[in-house]
C-alpha atoms as a PDB file:
ATOM      1  CA  MET A   1      79.012 118.688  68.244  1.00  0.00           C
ATOM      2  CA  ASP A   2      81.488 116.469  70.064  1.00  0.00           C
ATOM      3  CA  THR A   3      84.580 118.519  70.870  1.00  0.00           C
ATOM      4  CA  THR A   4      86.145 115.975  73.221  1.00  0.00           C
ATOM      5  CA  PRO A   5      89.684 115.050  72.093  1.00  0.00           C
ATOM      6  CA  SER A   6      89.878 111.630  70.426  1.00  0.00           C
ATOM      7  CA  VAL A   7      93.151 110.013  71.374  1.00  0.00           C
ATOM      8  CA  SER A   8      94.745 106.613  71.843  1.00  0.00           C
ATOM      9  CA  ARG A   9      96.226 105.639  75.224  1.00  0.00           C
ATOM     10  CA  ARG A  10      99.492 107.055  73.927  1.00  0.00           C
ATOM     11  CA  GLY A  11      97.801 110.411  73.508  1.00  0.00           C
ATOM     12  CA  VAL A  12      96.279 110.339  76.947  1.00  0.00           C
ATOM     13  CA  LEU A  13      99.710 111.048  78.401  1.00  0.00           C
ATOM     14  CA  ALA A  14      99.215 114.582  77.164  1.00  0.00           C
ATOM     15  CA  GLY A  15      96.321 115.101  79.518  1.00  0.00           C
ATOM     16  CA  THR A  16      96.966 112.856  82.516  1.00  0.00           C
ATOM     17  CA  ALA A  17     100.502 111.598  82.916  1.00  0.00           C
ATOM     18  CA  ALA A  18     101.632 115.095  82.120  1.00  0.00           C
ATOM     19  CA  ALA A  19      99.395 116.418  84.860  1.00  0.00           C
ATOM     20  CA  ALA A  20     100.910 113.862  87.208  1.00  0.00           C
ATOM     21  CA  ALA A  21     104.438 114.867  86.278  1.00  0.00           C
ATOM     22  CA  ILE A  22     104.130 118.596  86.849  1.00  0.00           C
ATOM     23  CA  ALA A  23     102.737 120.872  89.560  1.00  0.00           C
ATOM     24  CA  THR A  24      99.293 122.433  89.311  1.00  0.00           C
ATOM     25  CA  THR A  25      97.760 125.654  90.533  1.00  0.00           C
ATOM     26  CA  ASN A  26      94.338 124.022  90.788  1.00  0.00           C
ATOM     27  CA  THR A  27      92.790 125.188  94.093  1.00  0.00           C
ATOM     28  CA  GLU A  28      91.102 121.807  94.452  1.00  0.00           C
ATOM     29  CA  ALA A  29      94.546 120.286  94.976  1.00  0.00           C
ATOM     30  CA  GLN A  30      94.775 121.770  98.452  1.00  0.00           C
ATOM     31  CA  GLU A  31      91.168 121.500  99.594  1.00  0.00           C
ATOM     32  CA  THR A  32      92.051 119.281 102.557  1.00  0.00           C
ATOM     33  CA  GLY A  33      93.951 122.158 104.181  1.00  0.00           C
ATOM     34  CA  ARG A  34      96.709 119.873 105.472  1.00  0.00           C
ATOM     35  CA  ARG A  35     100.177 118.847 104.411  1.00  0.00           C
ATOM     36  CA  ASN A  36     100.395 116.090 101.819  1.00  0.00           C
ATOM     37  CA  PRO A  37     101.791 113.057 103.722  1.00  0.00           C
ATOM     38  CA  ILE A  38     102.443 110.951 100.606  1.00  0.00           C
ATOM     39  CA  ILE A  39     105.959 111.222  99.199  1.00  0.00           C
ATOM     40  CA  GLY A  40     105.474 109.054  96.140  1.00  0.00           C
ATOM     41  CA  HIS A  41     105.871 105.605  94.646  1.00  0.00           C
ATOM     42  CA  ALA A  42     108.095 103.144  96.497  1.00  0.00           C
ATOM     43  CA  ILE A  43     107.315  99.732  94.985  1.00  0.00           C
ATOM     44  CA  ALA A  44     105.186  98.468  92.109  1.00  0.00           C
ATOM     45  CA  THR A  45     104.227  94.839  92.659  1.00  0.00           C
ATOM     46  CA  ILE A  46     103.297  92.660  89.689  1.00  0.00           C
ATOM     47  CA  GLY A  47     101.741  89.211  89.989  1.00  0.00           C
ATOM     48  CA  VAL A  48     102.888  86.601  87.465  1.00  0.00           C
ATOM     49  CA  PRO A  49     102.659  82.800  87.134  1.00  0.00           C
ATOM     50  CA  ASP A  50     106.457  82.275  87.127  1.00  0.00           C
ATOM     51  CA  VAL A  51     108.775  84.739  88.864  1.00  0.00           C
ATOM     52  CA  ALA A  52     111.995  83.394  87.318  1.00  0.00           C
ATOM     53  CA  VAL A  53     110.644  83.650  83.778  1.00  0.00           C
ATOM     54  CA  ALA A  54     109.315  87.183  84.304  1.00  0.00           C
ATOM     55  CA  GLN A  55     112.522  88.277  86.029  1.00  0.00           C
ATOM     56  CA  ALA A  56     114.634  87.169  83.061  1.00  0.00           C
ATOM     57  CA  MET A  57     112.309  88.967  80.647  1.00  0.00           C
ATOM     58  CA  TYR A  58     112.460  92.255  82.558  1.00  0.00           C
ATOM     59  CA  GLU A  59     116.231  92.041  82.922  1.00  0.00           C
ATOM     60  CA  LYS A  60     116.619  91.627  79.165  1.00  0.00           C
ATOM     61  CA  ALA A  61     113.962  94.122  78.141  1.00  0.00           C
ATOM     62  CA  ILE A  62     114.400  97.140  80.409  1.00  0.00           C
ATOM     63  CA  GLY A  63     117.598  96.485  82.326  1.00  0.00           C
ATOM     64  CA  LEU A  64     116.125  95.687  85.728  1.00  0.00           C
ATOM     65  CA  SER A  65     118.542  94.028  88.129  1.00  0.00           C
ATOM     66  CA  GLU A  66     117.896  91.945  91.220  1.00  0.00           C
ATOM     67  CA  VAL A  67     118.186  93.569  94.636  1.00  0.00           C
ATOM     68  CA  ASN A  68     117.177  90.492  96.592  1.00  0.00           C
ATOM     69  CA  LYS A  69     114.700  87.641  96.465  1.00  0.00           C
ATOM     70  CA  GLY A  70     113.004  85.127  98.714  1.00  0.00           C
ATOM     71  CA  THR A  71     109.591  83.795  99.661  1.00  0.00           C
ATOM     72  CA  VAL A  72     106.715  85.738 101.179  1.00  0.00           C
ATOM     73  CA  SER A  73     106.744  85.468 104.965  1.00  0.00           C
ATOM     74  CA  GLU A  74     103.665  84.806 107.076  1.00  0.00           C
ATOM     75  CA  GLN A  75     103.925  88.321 108.512  1.00  0.00           C
ATOM     76  CA  VAL A  76     104.075  90.016 105.098  1.00  0.00           C
ATOM     77  CA  ALA A  77     101.243  87.862 103.703  1.00  0.00           C
ATOM     78  CA  ALA A  78      99.097  88.849 106.694  1.00  0.00           C
ATOM     79  CA  SER A  79      99.962  92.520 106.229  1.00  0.00           C
ATOM     80  CA  TRP A  80      98.855  92.292 102.607  1.00  0.00           C
ATOM     81  CA  GLY A  81      95.598  90.604 103.598  1.00  0.00           C
ATOM     82  CA  ALA A  82      96.576  87.721 101.330  1.00  0.00           C
ATOM     83  CA  PRO A  83      97.374  84.680 103.504  1.00  0.00           C
ATOM     84  CA  ALA A  84      97.740  82.327 100.525  1.00  0.00           C
ATOM     85  CA  MET A  85     100.754  84.362  99.398  1.00  0.00           C
ATOM     86  CA  GLN A  86     102.837  82.876 102.233  1.00  0.00           C
ATOM     87  CA  GLY A  87     105.736  80.843 100.876  1.00  0.00           C
ATOM     88  CA  ARG A  88     105.432  82.131  97.325  1.00  0.00           C
ATOM     89  CA  PRO A  89     108.600  83.345  95.592  1.00  0.00           C
ATOM     90  CA  TRP A  90     109.339  87.014  94.947  1.00  0.00           C
ATOM     91  CA  ALA A  91     112.161  89.031  93.419  1.00  0.00           C
ATOM     92  CA  MET A  92     112.840  92.703  94.134  1.00  0.00           C
ATOM     93  CA  MET A  93     114.237  94.580  91.130  1.00  0.00           C
ATOM     94  CA  ARG A  94     115.729  98.024  90.631  1.00  0.00           C
ATOM     95  CA  CYS A  95     116.177 100.222  87.593  1.00  0.00           C
ATOM     96  CA  GLU A  96     119.508 100.329  85.772  1.00  0.00           C
ATOM     97  CA  SER A  97     119.981 103.933  86.937  1.00  0.00           C
ATOM     98  CA  GLY A  98     120.363 102.715  90.512  1.00  0.00           C
ATOM     99  CA  ASP A  99     117.473 104.919  91.659  1.00  0.00           C
ATOM    100  CA  ARG A 100     116.867 104.159  95.347  1.00  0.00           C
ATOM    101  CA  THR A 101     113.367 105.592  95.604  1.00  0.00           C
ATOM    102  CA  PHE A 102     111.585 102.919  93.560  1.00  0.00           C
ATOM    103  CA  ARG A 103     111.590  99.138  93.107  1.00  0.00           C
ATOM    104  CA  ILE A 104     109.605  96.612  91.093  1.00  0.00           C
ATOM    105  CA  ARG A 105     108.580  93.521  93.036  1.00  0.00           C
ATOM    106  CA  ILE A 106     107.693  90.416  91.046  1.00  0.00           C
ATOM    107  CA  VAL A 107     105.607  87.871  92.978  1.00  0.00           C
ATOM    108  CA  GLU A 108     104.037  84.557  92.073  1.00  0.00           C
ATOM    109  CA  VAL A 109     100.253  84.369  91.833  1.00  0.00           C
ATOM    110  CA  ASP A 110      98.087  81.689  90.307  1.00  0.00           C
ATOM    111  CA  PRO A 111      96.686  82.463  86.858  1.00  0.00           C
ATOM    112  CA  VAL A 112      93.060  83.594  86.938  1.00  0.00           C
ATOM    113  CA  PRO A 113      91.009  82.108  84.082  1.00  0.00           C
ATOM    114  CA  GLY A 114      89.589  84.781  81.822  1.00  0.00           C
ATOM    115  CA  TYR A 115      91.512  87.685  83.333  1.00  0.00           C
ATOM    116  CA  LYS A 116      92.753  90.152  80.723  1.00  0.00           C
ATOM    117  CA  ALA A 117      94.767  93.329  81.100  1.00  0.00           C
ATOM    118  CA  MET A 118      92.943  96.674  81.262  1.00  0.00           C
ATOM    119  CA  GLY A 119      89.519  95.070  81.610  1.00  0.00           C
ATOM    120  CA  THR A 120      88.742  95.448  85.315  1.00  0.00           C
ATOM    121  CA  TRP A 121      88.731  97.995  88.118  1.00  0.00           C
ATOM    122  CA  GLY A 122      91.872  98.544  90.158  1.00  0.00           C
ATOM    123  CA  LEU A 123      95.513  98.991  89.165  1.00  0.00           C
ATOM    124  CA  ASN A 124      95.885  98.530  85.437  1.00  0.00           C
ATOM    125  CA  ALA A 125      99.279  99.928  84.425  1.00  0.00           C
ATOM    126  CA  ILE A 126     102.636 101.280  85.554  1.00  0.00           C
ATOM    127  CA  GLU A 127     104.159 104.208  83.634  1.00  0.00           C
ATOM    128  CA  MET A 128     107.953 104.605  83.545  1.00  0.00           C
ATOM    129  CA  ILE A 129     110.309 107.205  82.111  1.00  0.00           C
ATOM    130  CA  SER A 130     112.748 106.254  79.336  1.00  0.00           C
ATOM    131  CA  LYS A 131     115.590 107.822  77.417  1.00  0.00           C
ATOM    132  CA  ASP A 132     114.533 106.255  74.106  1.00  0.00           C
ATOM    133  CA  ILE A 133     111.324 104.262  73.721  1.00  0.00           C
ATOM    134  CA  TYR A 134     112.307 103.172  70.208  1.00  0.00           C
ATOM    135  CA  GLU A 135     115.216 101.229  71.646  1.00  0.00           C
ATOM    136  CA  VAL A 136     112.910 100.001  74.407  1.00  0.00           C
ATOM    137  CA  ASN A 137     110.477  98.753  71.775  1.00  0.00           C
ATOM    138  CA  GLU A 138     113.174  96.630  70.127  1.00  0.00           C
ATOM    139  CA  ARG A 139     114.321  95.227  73.441  1.00  0.00           C
ATOM    140  CA  VAL A 140     110.891  94.330  74.809  1.00  0.00           C
ATOM    141  CA  LEU A 141     109.997  92.533  71.593  1.00  0.00           C
ATOM    142  CA  SER A 142     113.235  90.532  71.692  1.00  0.00           C
ATOM    143  CA  ALA A 143     112.522  89.631  75.331  1.00  0.00           C
ATOM    144  CA  GLY A 144     109.112  88.168  74.496  1.00  0.00           C
ATOM    145  CA  PHE A 145     106.771  90.940  75.636  1.00  0.00           C
ATOM    146  CA  GLU A 146     103.719  91.940  73.620  1.00  0.00           C
ATOM    147  CA  VAL A 147     103.741  95.526  72.398  1.00  0.00           C
ATOM    148  CA  ILE A 148     100.157  96.763  72.642  1.00  0.00           C
ATOM    149  CA  GLY A 149     100.957 100.331  71.620  1.00  0.00           C
ATOM    150  CA  GLU A 150     103.805 100.996  69.212  1.00  0.00           C
ATOM    151  CA  PRO A 151     106.066 103.990  69.932  1.00  0.00           C
ATOM    152  CA  ARG A 152     104.991 107.283  68.428  1.00  0.00           C
ATOM    153  CA  PRO A 153     104.741 111.000  69.229  1.00  0.00           C
ATOM    154  CA  LEU A 154     101.789 111.954  71.368  1.00  0.00           C
ATOM    155  CA  SER A 155     100.503 114.392  68.776  1.00  0.00           C
ATOM    156  CA  GLU A 156     101.637 117.097  66.390  1.00  0.00           C
ATOM    157  CA  ALA A 157     101.094 119.664  69.108  1.00  0.00           C
ATOM    158  CA  TYR A 158     103.216 117.736  71.623  1.00  0.00           C
ATOM    159  CA  ALA A 159     105.874 116.220  69.416  1.00  0.00           C
ATOM    160  CA  SER A 160     108.671 116.069  71.965  1.00  0.00           C
ATOM    161  CA  VAL A 161     107.114 113.340  74.108  1.00  0.00           C
ATOM    162  CA  HIS A 162     106.839 109.873  72.595  1.00  0.00           C
ATOM    163  CA  ALA A 163     105.159 106.915  74.280  1.00  0.00           C
ATOM    164  CA  MET A 164     104.543 103.166  73.950  1.00  0.00           C
ATOM    165  CA  GLN A 165     102.940 100.322  75.901  1.00  0.00           C
ATOM    166  CA  MET A 166     103.685  96.642  76.504  1.00  0.00           C
ATOM    167  CA  LYS A 167     102.011  93.686  78.209  1.00  0.00           C
ATOM    168  CA  GLY A 168     103.846  91.124  80.314  1.00  0.00           C
ATOM    169  CA  PRO A 169     103.404  87.432  81.187  1.00  0.00           C
ATOM    170  CA  GLY A 170     100.938  88.087  84.023  1.00  0.00           C
ATOM    171  CA  GLU A 171      98.767  90.475  81.965  1.00  0.00           C
ATOM    172  CA  GLU A 172     100.573  93.386  83.636  1.00  0.00           C
ATOM    173  CA  VAL A 173     100.858  96.511  81.502  1.00  0.00           C
ATOM    174  CA  PHE A 174     103.722  98.993  81.400  1.00  0.00           C
ATOM    175  CA  TYR A 175     103.787 102.348  79.609  1.00  0.00           C
ATOM    176  CA  PHE A 176     107.021 104.098  78.706  1.00  0.00           C
ATOM    177  CA  ALA A 177     107.477 107.767  77.821  1.00  0.00           C
ATOM    178  CA  SER A 178     110.488 109.658  76.470  1.00  0.00           C
ATOM    179  CA  ASP A 179     111.329 113.283  75.828  1.00  0.00           C
ATOM    180  CA  MET A 180     112.879 112.780  72.386  1.00  0.00           C
ATOM    181  CA  THR A 181     113.746 116.404  71.517  1.00  0.00           C
ATOM    182  CA  GLY A 182     114.722 118.033  74.802  1.00  0.00           C
ATOM    183  CA  GLN A 183     111.737 120.404  74.720  1.00  0.00           C
ATOM    184  CA  ASN A 184     109.884 118.381  77.377  1.00  0.00           C
ATOM    185  CA  GLU A 185     106.610 120.330  77.299  1.00  0.00           C
ATOM    186  CA  PHE A 186     105.267 118.357  80.247  1.00  0.00           C
ATOM    187  CA  GLY A 187     108.153 118.628  82.685  1.00  0.00           C
ATOM    188  CA  LEU A 188     108.641 114.865  82.769  1.00  0.00           C
ATOM    189  CA  ILE A 189     111.139 113.441  85.229  1.00  0.00           C
ATOM    190  CA  THR A 190     114.650 112.806  83.888  1.00  0.00           C
ATOM    191  CA  ALA A 191     115.654 109.313  82.806  1.00  0.00           C
ATOM    192  CA  ASN A 192     119.153 108.395  83.954  1.00  0.00           C
ATOM    193  CA  SER A 193     119.084 105.009  82.217  1.00  0.00           C
ATOM    194  CA  LEU A 194     117.293 103.579  79.196  1.00  0.00           C
ATOM    195  CA  VAL A 195     114.327 102.881  81.479  1.00  0.00           C
ATOM    196  CA  ASP A 196     114.190 104.639  84.825  1.00  0.00           C
ATOM    197  CA  ARG A 197     111.655 104.875  87.608  1.00  0.00           C
ATOM    198  CA  ILE A 198     107.869 105.088  87.602  1.00  0.00           C
ATOM    199  CA  PHE A 199     106.119 108.433  87.363  1.00  0.00           C
ATOM    200  CA  ASN A 200     102.508 107.269  87.141  1.00  0.00           C
ATOM    201  CA  ALA A 201     100.245 104.401  88.213  1.00  0.00           C
ATOM    202  CA  VAL A 202      96.924 103.936  86.409  1.00  0.00           C
ATOM    203  CA  VAL A 203      93.731 102.992  88.283  1.00  0.00           C
ATOM    204  CA  GLY A 204      90.522 102.023  86.502  1.00  0.00           C
ATOM    205  CA  THR A 205      87.607 103.142  88.662  1.00  0.00           C
ATOM    206  CA  PRO A 206      83.808 102.779  88.497  1.00  0.00           C
ATOM    207  CA  ASN A 207      83.411 106.019  90.471  1.00  0.00           C
ATOM    208  CA  ILE A 208      86.044 108.620  89.687  1.00  0.00           C
ATOM    209  CA  LYS A 209      84.474 111.145  92.070  1.00  0.00           C
ATOM    210  CA  ALA A 210      84.860 108.733  94.979  1.00  0.00           C
ATOM    211  CA  SER A 211      88.411 107.792  93.971  1.00  0.00           C
ATOM    212  CA  ARG A 212      89.559 111.403  93.737  1.00  0.00           C
ATOM    213  CA  ALA A 213      87.873 112.297  97.014  1.00  0.00           C
ATOM    214  CA  PHE A 214      89.549 109.384  98.800  1.00  0.00           C
ATOM    215  CA  TYR A 215      93.070 110.220  97.631  1.00  0.00           C
ATOM    216  CA  ASN A 216      92.558 113.893  98.404  1.00  0.00           C
ATOM    217  CA  ASN A 217      90.575 113.787 101.642  1.00  0.00           C
ATOM    218  CA  VAL A 218      91.876 110.570 103.195  1.00  0.00           C
ATOM    219  CA  LEU A 219      95.430 110.299 101.860  1.00  0.00           C
ATOM    220  CA  GLY A 220      95.927 114.065 101.551  1.00  0.00           C
ATOM    221  CA  MET A 221      97.287 113.928  97.996  1.00  0.00           C
ATOM    222  CA  SER A 222      97.048 116.889  95.617  1.00  0.00           C
ATOM    223  CA  LEU A 223      94.565 116.601  92.753  1.00  0.00           C
ATOM    224  CA  GLY A 224      94.972 117.521  89.107  1.00  0.00           C
ATOM    225  CA  ASP A 225      92.169 118.656  86.841  1.00  0.00           C
ATOM    226  CA  LEU A 226      89.315 116.395  85.771  1.00  0.00           C
ATOM    227  CA  MET A 227      89.240 115.954  81.990  1.00  0.00           C
ATOM    228  CA  GLU A 228      87.536 113.810  79.371  1.00  0.00           C
ATOM    229  CA  PHE A 229      89.166 111.754  76.640  1.00  0.00           C
ATOM    230  CA  LYS A 230      88.282 109.033  74.172  1.00  0.00           C
ATOM    231  CA  VAL A 231      90.710 106.255  75.094  1.00  0.00           C
ATOM    232  CA  ARG A 232      91.052 103.504  72.518  1.00  0.00           C
ATOM    233  CA  VAL A 233      92.923 101.003  74.669  1.00  0.00           C
ATOM    234  CA  VAL A 234      90.239 101.106  77.379  1.00  0.00           C
ATOM    235  CA  ALA A 235      87.420 101.017  74.821  1.00  0.00           C
ATOM    236  CA  ASP A 236      88.981  98.008  73.113  1.00  0.00           C
ATOM    237  CA  ALA A 237      89.604  96.194  76.400  1.00  0.00           C
ATOM    238  CA  LEU A 238      86.030  96.749  77.581  1.00  0.00           C
ATOM    239  CA  ASP A 239      84.465  96.402  74.136  1.00  0.00           C
ATOM    240  CA  TYR A 240      82.599  99.686  73.974  1.00  0.00           C
ATOM    241  CA  SER A 241      82.626 102.343  71.249  1.00  0.00           C
ATOM    242  CA  ARG A 242      85.861 104.262  70.687  1.00  0.00           C
ATOM    243  CA  ASP A 243      83.705 107.367  70.246  1.00  0.00           C
ATOM    244  CA  ARG A 244      82.737 107.329  73.912  1.00  0.00           C
ATOM    245  CA  ALA A 245      84.715 109.694  76.158  1.00  0.00           C
ATOM    246  CA  ILE A 246      85.585 108.852  79.748  1.00  0.00           C
ATOM    247  CA  ALA A 247      86.581 111.112  82.627  1.00  0.00           C
ATOM    248  CA  MET A 248      90.202 111.102  83.745  1.00  0.00           C
ATOM    249  CA  GLY A 249      92.096 112.765  86.583  1.00  0.00           C
ATOM    250  CA  SER A 250      95.176 112.459  88.776  1.00  0.00           C
ATOM    251  CA  ALA A 251      96.528 112.685  92.316  1.00  0.00           C
ATOM    252  CA  ARG A 252     100.131 113.405  93.300  1.00  0.00           C
ATOM    253  CA  GLY A 253     102.592 112.938  96.080  1.00  0.00           C
ATOM    254  CA  THR A 254     105.205 115.527  97.044  1.00  0.00           C
ATOM    255  CA  ARG A 255     108.080 113.996  95.061  1.00  0.00           C
ATOM    256  CA  HIS A 256     108.308 115.218  91.475  1.00  0.00           C
ATOM    257  CA  GLY A 257     106.817 112.592  89.179  1.00  0.00           C
ATOM    258  CA  SER A 258     104.642 110.697  91.662  1.00  0.00           C
ATOM    259  CA  GLY A 259     101.237 110.523  90.016  1.00  0.00           C
ATOM    260  CA  ILE A 260      98.217 108.265  90.216  1.00  0.00           C
ATOM    261  CA  GLU A 261      95.904 108.446  87.217  1.00  0.00           C
ATOM    262  CA  PHE A 262      92.204 107.646  87.502  1.00  0.00           C
ATOM    263  CA  ASP A 263      90.346 106.364  84.438  1.00  0.00           C
ATOM    264  CA  ALA A 264      86.550 106.305  84.803  1.00  0.00           C
ATOM    265  CA  TYR A 265      85.527 102.869  83.539  1.00  0.00           C
ATOM    266  CA  PRO A 266      81.917 102.578  82.303  1.00  0.00           C
ATOM    267  CA  VAL A 267      80.286 100.327  84.902  1.00  0.00           C
ATOM    268  CA  GLU A 268      78.104  98.549  82.352  1.00  0.00           C
ATOM    269  CA  PHE A 269      81.222  97.225  80.598  1.00  0.00           C
ATOM    270  CA  SER A 270      83.534  96.578  83.560  1.00  0.00           C
ATOM    271  CA  GLY A 271      83.734  94.943  86.954  1.00  0.00           C
ATOM    272  CA  PRO A 272      85.998  94.072  89.883  1.00  0.00           C
ATOM    273  CA  ARG A 273      89.338  92.320  89.442  1.00  0.00           C
ATOM    274  CA  PRO A 274      89.148  88.525  89.936  1.00  0.00           C
ATOM    275  CA  ARG A 275      91.906  86.888  91.972  1.00  0.00           C
ATOM    276  CA  ALA A 276      92.805  83.481  93.308  1.00  0.00           C
ATOM    277  CA  LYS A 277      91.542  82.919  96.848  1.00  0.00           C
ATOM    278  CA  GLY A 278      93.777  84.515  99.460  1.00  0.00           C
ATOM    279  CA  GLN A 279      96.214  85.917  96.893  1.00  0.00           C
ATOM    280  CA  LEU A 280      97.121  89.312  95.489  1.00  0.00           C
ATOM    281  CA  PRO A 281      95.355  90.312  92.268  1.00  0.00           C
ATOM    282  CA  PRO A 282      97.009  89.286  88.983  1.00  0.00           C
ATOM    283  CA  GLY A 283      98.709  91.772  86.671  1.00  0.00           C
ATOM    284  CA  VAL A 284      99.618  95.017  88.389  1.00  0.00           C
ATOM    285  CA  SER A 285      98.897  93.697  91.879  1.00  0.00           C
ATOM    286  CA  MET A 286      99.711  96.519  94.271  1.00  0.00           C
ATOM    287  CA  MET A 287     101.368  99.913  94.551  1.00  0.00           C
ATOM    288  CA  SER A 288     103.419 100.857  97.588  1.00  0.00           C
ATOM    289  CA  LEU A 289     103.442 104.533  98.524  1.00  0.00           C
ATOM    290  CA  ALA A 290     106.085 106.113 100.744  1.00  0.00           C
ATOM    291  CA  THR A 291     104.866 108.385 103.527  1.00  0.00           C
ATOM    292  CA  ASN A 292     106.712 110.475 106.102  1.00  0.00           C
ATOM    293  CA  ASP A 293     103.600 110.901 108.276  1.00  0.00           C
ATOM    294  CA  PHE A 294     102.141 107.432 108.711  1.00  0.00           C
ATOM    295  CA  ASP A 295      99.922 108.419 111.636  1.00  0.00           C
ATOM    296  CA  ALA A 296      98.210 111.155 109.601  1.00  0.00           C
ATOM    297  CA  ILE A 297      96.584 108.533 107.361  1.00  0.00           C
ATOM    298  CA  ASP A 298      93.358 107.035 108.686  1.00  0.00           C
ATOM    299  CA  VAL A 299      92.374 104.001 106.609  1.00  0.00           C
ATOM    300  CA  SER A 300      91.170 100.476 107.359  1.00  0.00           C
ATOM    301  CA  PHE A 301      94.333  98.402 107.117  1.00  0.00           C
ATOM    302  CA  MET A 302      94.329  94.678 106.413  1.00  0.00           C
ATOM    303  CA  ALA A 303      96.399  94.217 109.566  1.00  0.00           C
ATOM    304  CA  PRO A 304      97.964  96.575 112.135  1.00  0.00           C
ATOM    305  CA  PRO A 305     101.054  98.423 110.828  1.00  0.00           C
ATOM    306  CA  LYS A 306     104.336  96.630 111.519  1.00  0.00           C
ATOM    307  CA  VAL A 307     108.002  96.993 110.601  1.00  0.00           C
ATOM    308  CA  LEU A 308     108.322  94.607 107.666  1.00  0.00           C
ATOM    309  CA  TYR A 309     111.202  95.682 105.467  1.00  0.00           C
ATOM    310  CA  GLY A 310     113.873  96.672 107.943  1.00  0.00           C
ATOM    311  CA  GLY A 311     112.906 100.336 108.124  1.00  0.00           C
ATOM    312  CA  GLY A 312     109.671 102.023 109.120  1.00  0.00           C
ATOM    313  CA  ARG A 313     106.207 100.582 109.466  1.00  0.00           C
ATOM    314  CA  ALA A 314     104.160  99.157 106.609  1.00  0.00           C
ATOM    315  CA  ALA A 315     100.504  98.277 106.189  1.00  0.00           C
ATOM    316  CA  SER A 316      98.102  97.609 103.308  1.00  0.00           C
ATOM    317  CA  PHE A 317      94.534  98.493 102.375  1.00  0.00           C
ATOM    318  CA  VAL A 318      92.180  98.260  99.416  1.00  0.00           C
ATOM    319  CA  GLY A 319      91.208 101.555  97.776  1.00  0.00           C
ATOM    320  CA  PRO A 320      87.764 102.599  96.550  1.00  0.00           C
ATOM    321  CA  ALA A 321      88.213 101.084  93.071  1.00  0.00           C
ATOM    322  CA  GLY A 322      89.575  97.793  94.427  1.00  0.00           C
ATOM    323  CA  GLU A 323      93.216  98.816  94.019  1.00  0.00           C
ATOM    324  CA  TRP A 324      95.621  97.297  96.546  1.00  0.00           C
ATOM    325  CA  VAL A 325      97.822  99.895  98.225  1.00  0.00           C
ATOM    326  CA  GLU A 326     100.689  99.472 100.679  1.00  0.00           C
ATOM    327  CA  LEU A 327     101.947 102.367 102.793  1.00  0.00           C
ATOM    328  CA  ILE A 328     105.634 102.320 103.767  1.00  0.00           C
ATOM    329  CA  GLU A 329     107.021 104.715 106.352  1.00  0.00           C
ATOM    330  CA  GLN A 330     110.069 106.641 105.103  1.00  0.00           C
ATOM    331  CA  GLU A 331     111.973 109.809 105.760  1.00  0.00           C
ATOM    332  CA  LEU A 332     111.330 112.621 103.292  1.00  0.00           C
ATOM    333  CA  THR A 333     113.899 112.466 100.477  1.00  0.00           C
END
């Protein structure tokens, strides 16, 4: 008899985003025997056809405000391993709370024919904390976003946390979660504005064992438990049966609410993310992780680390599932 929980993507928060938001006593989390050098999320980069249009939508929908903007320099494009990004416009946005640990960077990429959200390996979604997702739902609809998961409680057993999902103009997907009763069974981070910073980034992977091993052994991140769930949004995106369960797990940085979720995509229904030549991938393009021990991380960077953003060094690499990751050197905060 199948005893695997059957849940929508909203319900998956109970098993994975929750695990990313709270500490674990899992002994596997410390198997590397060294200090975790990853602090947490610094920037989520989304690739869209028109930066100005997307910027206006995000300002209206979730209260993001511009920090600065410009065009991608030759040095940054080389660091990303995406030379065709040079000269393309970008806008750096911050949450209404004024949180200084996290930014959303909107960059221009060419549309990729046939690309659809949630259907390929790599970064598929960004998950942010909210004070009230029902108000968020009204605002994102009025701003022109597509709601792909209407707000609702996770389940009867976990009624305090409510969640929803939306899709943006570049096929980027955002999830929002709120503690609506104050019980907060999962120890979610606190929202200091209607929508506040990220607490989870979702990676679709063809080999969840390899993805977890990489983030634990190479990046030194702590691991959460490996679980199985039936995930409707992934099943629908990949066109396989909703009755099929997939493995899911998480890795975490040292800052509270700094998770990466791994969804094991069935390889017979999925494949690598297409992208325009020399550009970042469309949708959720890249996640930037802050580290206070840059030299402890041994990966194959696109280009040698350099000071790019006026602070510490930065460099980019492609992870085992095809996800684009940027490391940014920061002091521990």
